[in-house]
Protein backbone atom coordinates (compact mmCIF):
# COMPACT_ATOMS: atom_id res chain seq x y z
CA MET A 1 97.90 164.23 178.42
CA ALA A 2 94.56 164.64 176.66
CA ASN A 3 93.74 161.00 177.12
CA VAL A 4 94.40 161.17 180.74
CA PHE A 5 91.57 164.20 181.09
CA ARG A 6 89.32 162.19 178.65
CA GLN A 7 89.76 159.10 181.12
CA LEU A 8 89.09 161.25 184.35
CA PHE A 9 86.06 162.80 182.71
CA VAL A 10 84.72 159.37 181.93
CA ASP A 11 85.70 157.97 185.35
CA PHE A 12 83.88 160.87 187.07
CA PHE A 13 80.99 161.35 184.88
CA SER A 14 78.48 160.46 187.11
CA ALA A 15 79.68 162.80 189.76
CA ILE A 16 79.77 165.73 187.14
CA VAL A 17 75.98 165.02 186.10
CA PHE A 18 75.38 164.91 189.78
CA LEU A 19 76.61 168.14 190.47
CA ALA A 20 75.13 169.84 187.16
CA VAL A 21 71.63 168.34 188.04
CA TYR A 22 71.91 169.37 191.69
CA ALA A 23 72.99 172.82 190.76
CA VAL A 24 69.93 173.29 188.50
CA THR A 25 67.32 171.60 190.89
CA GLY A 26 68.73 171.75 194.25
CA ASP A 27 67.07 168.28 194.87
CA VAL A 28 69.42 165.57 195.92
CA LEU A 29 67.19 162.82 194.95
CA ILE A 30 66.73 163.90 191.45
CA ALA A 31 70.45 164.52 190.90
CA THR A 32 71.11 160.93 192.28
CA GLY A 33 68.59 159.45 190.02
CA VAL A 34 69.95 161.15 186.90
CA ALA A 35 73.57 160.38 187.86
CA ILE A 36 72.55 156.72 188.08
CA ALA A 37 70.67 156.99 184.84
CA GLY A 38 73.73 158.67 183.11
CA SER A 39 76.32 155.96 184.45
CA ILE A 40 73.88 153.39 183.21
CA ALA A 41 73.67 155.28 179.73
CA GLN A 42 77.39 155.88 179.48
CA PHE A 43 78.00 152.05 180.01
CA VAL A 44 75.31 150.91 177.49
CA HIS A 45 76.78 153.38 174.96
CA ALA A 46 80.28 152.01 175.44
CA ARG A 47 78.99 148.59 175.06
CA LEU A 48 76.85 149.40 171.86
CA THR A 49 79.82 151.26 170.28
CA GLY A 50 82.45 148.18 170.87
CA LYS A 51 84.51 149.89 173.18
CA LYS A 52 86.86 147.66 175.34
CA LEU A 53 85.39 147.64 178.81
CA GLU A 54 88.01 147.66 181.71
CA PHE A 55 87.43 146.33 185.23
CA MET A 56 87.23 150.07 186.40
CA THR A 57 84.14 150.68 184.08
CA TYR A 58 82.19 147.78 185.69
CA ALA A 59 83.50 149.06 189.15
CA ILE A 60 82.33 152.64 188.67
CA LEU A 61 78.99 151.53 187.38
CA ALA A 62 78.56 149.36 190.53
CA VAL A 63 79.49 151.90 192.79
CA VAL A 64 77.42 154.52 191.38
CA VAL A 65 74.38 152.19 191.17
CA VAL A 66 74.96 150.78 194.80
CA LEU A 67 75.63 154.24 196.68
CA GLY A 68 73.21 155.92 194.50
CA CYS A 69 70.43 153.43 195.51
CA ALA A 70 71.56 153.78 198.86
CA THR A 71 71.07 157.47 198.72
CA LEU A 72 67.49 157.12 197.14
CA LEU A 73 66.41 154.57 199.86
CA THR A 74 67.74 156.42 202.87
CA SER A 75 67.47 159.96 201.55
CA ASP A 76 70.97 160.59 202.78
CA PRO A 77 73.38 162.05 200.19
CA ARG A 78 76.43 161.15 202.06
CA PHE A 79 76.48 157.81 200.23
CA VAL A 80 76.57 159.37 196.64
CA LEU A 81 79.05 161.95 197.79
CA MET A 82 81.51 159.12 198.76
CA LYS A 83 81.75 157.68 195.03
CA PRO A 84 84.73 160.08 194.12
CA SER A 85 86.59 158.81 197.19
CA ILE A 86 86.43 155.28 195.73
CA GLY A 87 87.42 156.57 192.39
CA HIS A 88 90.42 158.34 194.00
CA PHE A 89 91.59 155.37 195.93
CA ALA A 90 91.05 152.98 193.09
CA VAL A 91 93.20 155.22 190.84
CA GLY A 92 95.86 155.78 193.70
CA LEU A 93 96.17 152.00 193.79
CA VAL A 94 96.79 151.75 190.13
CA MET A 95 99.40 154.57 190.35
CA LEU A 96 101.24 152.61 193.06
CA GLN A 97 102.41 150.45 189.99
CA ARG A 98 105.97 151.26 189.19
CA GLY A 99 106.30 152.81 185.73
CA TRP A 100 102.68 153.59 185.28
CA MET A 101 103.32 157.27 184.25
CA LEU A 102 105.98 156.29 181.49
CA ARG A 103 103.30 155.57 178.95
CA TYR A 104 101.84 158.93 179.30
CA LEU A 105 105.14 160.74 178.97
CA PRO A 106 106.95 162.08 175.96
CA PRO A 107 110.17 160.30 174.78
CA ILE A 108 112.45 163.47 176.28
CA VAL A 109 111.39 162.58 179.73
CA THR A 110 111.51 158.73 179.57
CA ASP A 111 114.77 158.73 177.84
CA ASN A 112 116.53 161.28 180.30
CA ILE A 113 114.83 160.96 183.54
CA PRO A 114 112.80 157.69 183.99
CA GLU A 115 113.69 157.49 187.68
CA TYR A 116 112.01 160.89 188.32
CA ALA A 117 109.07 159.76 186.46
CA ASN A 118 108.63 156.72 188.83
CA ALA A 119 109.02 159.03 191.81
CA ALA A 120 106.25 161.36 190.37
CA GLY A 121 103.95 158.41 189.90
CA TYR A 122 104.28 157.61 193.63
CA ALA A 123 103.58 161.26 194.37
CA TRP A 124 100.47 161.22 192.34
CA ALA A 125 99.25 158.13 194.11
CA ALA A 126 99.60 160.12 197.34
CA LEU A 127 97.82 163.01 196.00
CA MET A 128 94.88 160.54 194.96
CA PHE A 129 94.81 159.09 198.45
CA ALA A 130 94.90 162.60 200.12
CA LEU A 131 91.83 163.79 197.75
CA GLY A 132 89.95 160.72 198.50
CA ILE A 133 90.43 160.97 202.28
CA GLY A 134 89.53 164.78 202.00
CA ASN A 135 86.47 163.89 200.00
CA ILE A 136 85.36 161.41 202.78
CA ALA A 137 85.73 164.18 205.42
CA ILE A 138 83.74 166.84 203.32
CA ALA A 139 81.01 164.14 202.58
CA MET A 140 80.56 163.20 206.31
CA THR A 141 79.23 166.63 206.66
CA GLY A 142 76.42 165.98 204.41
CA ASP A 143 76.98 169.68 203.09
CA ILE A 144 76.37 169.45 199.36
CA LYS A 145 77.63 172.90 198.59
CA LEU A 146 80.74 172.44 200.43
CA TRP A 147 81.38 168.97 198.95
CA ALA A 148 80.64 170.55 195.31
CA PHE A 149 83.27 173.27 195.82
CA TYR A 150 85.80 170.51 197.14
CA ILE A 151 85.09 168.12 194.06
CA SER A 152 85.08 170.88 191.44
CA VAL A 153 87.53 173.32 192.77
CA VAL A 154 89.99 171.82 195.38
CA ALA A 155 90.38 168.46 193.80
CA ILE A 156 90.68 169.55 190.24
CA GLY A 157 92.86 172.51 191.33
CA ALA A 158 95.04 170.13 193.15
CA LYS A 159 95.35 168.01 190.15
CA ILE A 160 96.04 170.99 187.89
CA VAL A 161 98.84 172.42 190.52
CA ALA A 162 100.52 169.08 190.69
CA PHE A 163 100.64 168.76 187.00
CA ALA A 164 102.22 172.19 186.66
CA ILE A 165 104.91 171.57 189.35
CA GLN A 166 105.60 168.23 187.90
CA TYR A 167 105.98 169.86 184.52
CA VAL A 168 108.39 172.70 185.72
CA VAL A 169 110.47 170.12 187.69
CA PHE A 170 110.91 167.78 184.66
CA ARG A 171 111.69 170.44 182.34
CA VAL A 172 114.23 171.91 184.58
CA ILE A 173 115.97 168.60 185.57
CA ILE A 174 115.96 167.69 181.78
CA ALA A 175 117.45 171.00 180.76
CA ARG A 176 120.29 170.40 183.45
CA ARG A 177 120.91 166.93 182.26
CA LEU A 178 121.05 167.80 178.64
CA ARG A 179 123.52 170.81 179.39
CA ALA A 180 125.68 168.58 181.46
CA ALA A 181 125.84 165.93 178.64
CA ALA A 182 126.56 168.49 176.18
CA THR A 183 129.58 169.97 178.19
CA ARG A 184 130.94 166.27 178.51
CA ALA A 185 130.82 165.78 174.86
């Protein structure tokens, strides 16, 4: 699970940098420029350290540069505020692949309830699409403080709540299955 959170941090690094710089400076254009530079630096660092770069790495860099430049050219923050939606939609599409979640789960889950893991994977995809749509709605208002709250509290909170619900549900179902198997034996 630590890998999942690390990957989310890597994928949303430029949004995190944008939020941090905006919180300090209150200037959208400075925050956008630093986010673009941070995204490019992250990419260069990955290349120099020999990390395998996936399609998403290139896509995220392109999105940050294109939307960031659109923000800088128009002085309209809505472009850069849309970036998390693209990330959510891309992750949601990946999560529509049957069985994607199985590699992240412990053997007790994959051995006992793989069908529930597949259903949970689709639920996660739906959550990603919902968060992406919510981000677009918030970004279109142009209110950066509301957007920052949505990205840092609502979106992250929704993922934490979803993870907690999944954990409890999986734990209850596995316990019931193991008890039932023990009584049959």
